[in-house]
Amino acid sequence: SCCSSDLPGRERQEVAAASLF
């Protein structure tokens, strides 16, 4: 997520997942 831009909601989802761990 830091460097690759797949989808507009990808970054937000990764941040949410990281928040759990």
C-alpha atoms as a PDB file:
ATOM      1  CA  SER A   1       0.000   0.000   0.000  1.00  0.00           C
ATOM      2  CA  CYS A   2       2.890   2.323   0.698  1.00  0.00           C
ATOM      3  CA  CYS A   3       4.064   2.512  -2.881  1.00  0.00           C
ATOM      4  CA  SER A   4       1.626   0.649  -5.152  1.00  0.00           C
ATOM      5  CA  SER A   5      -1.700   2.249  -6.031  1.00  0.00           C
ATOM      6  CA  ASP A   6      -4.116  -0.495  -7.064  1.00  0.00           C
ATOM      7  CA  LEU A   7      -7.488   0.910  -6.056  1.00  0.00           C
ATOM      8  CA  PRO A   8      -8.661   4.094  -4.324  1.00  0.00           C
ATOM      9  CA  GLY A   9     -10.022   2.130  -1.357  1.00  0.00           C
ATOM     10  CA  ARG A  10      -7.011  -0.170  -1.112  1.00  0.00           C
ATOM     11  CA  GLU A  11      -4.972   2.165   1.111  1.00  0.00           C
ATOM     12  CA  ARG A  12      -7.859   2.740   3.501  1.00  0.00           C
ATOM     13  CA  GLN A  13      -8.479  -1.011   3.800  1.00  0.00           C
ATOM     14  CA  GLU A  14      -4.833  -1.725   4.546  1.00  0.00           C
ATOM     15  CA  VAL A  15      -4.788   0.919   7.267  1.00  0.00           C
ATOM     16  CA  ALA A  16      -7.904  -0.616   8.809  1.00  0.00           C
ATOM     17  CA  ALA A  17      -6.325  -4.081   8.735  1.00  0.00           C
ATOM     18  CA  ALA A  18      -3.092  -2.755  10.278  1.00  0.00           C
ATOM     19  CA  SER A  19      -5.146  -1.142  13.025  1.00  0.00           C
ATOM     20  CA  LEU A  20      -6.331  -4.573  14.147  1.00  0.00           C
ATOM     21  CA  PHE A  21      -2.772  -5.880  14.565  1.00  0.00           C
END
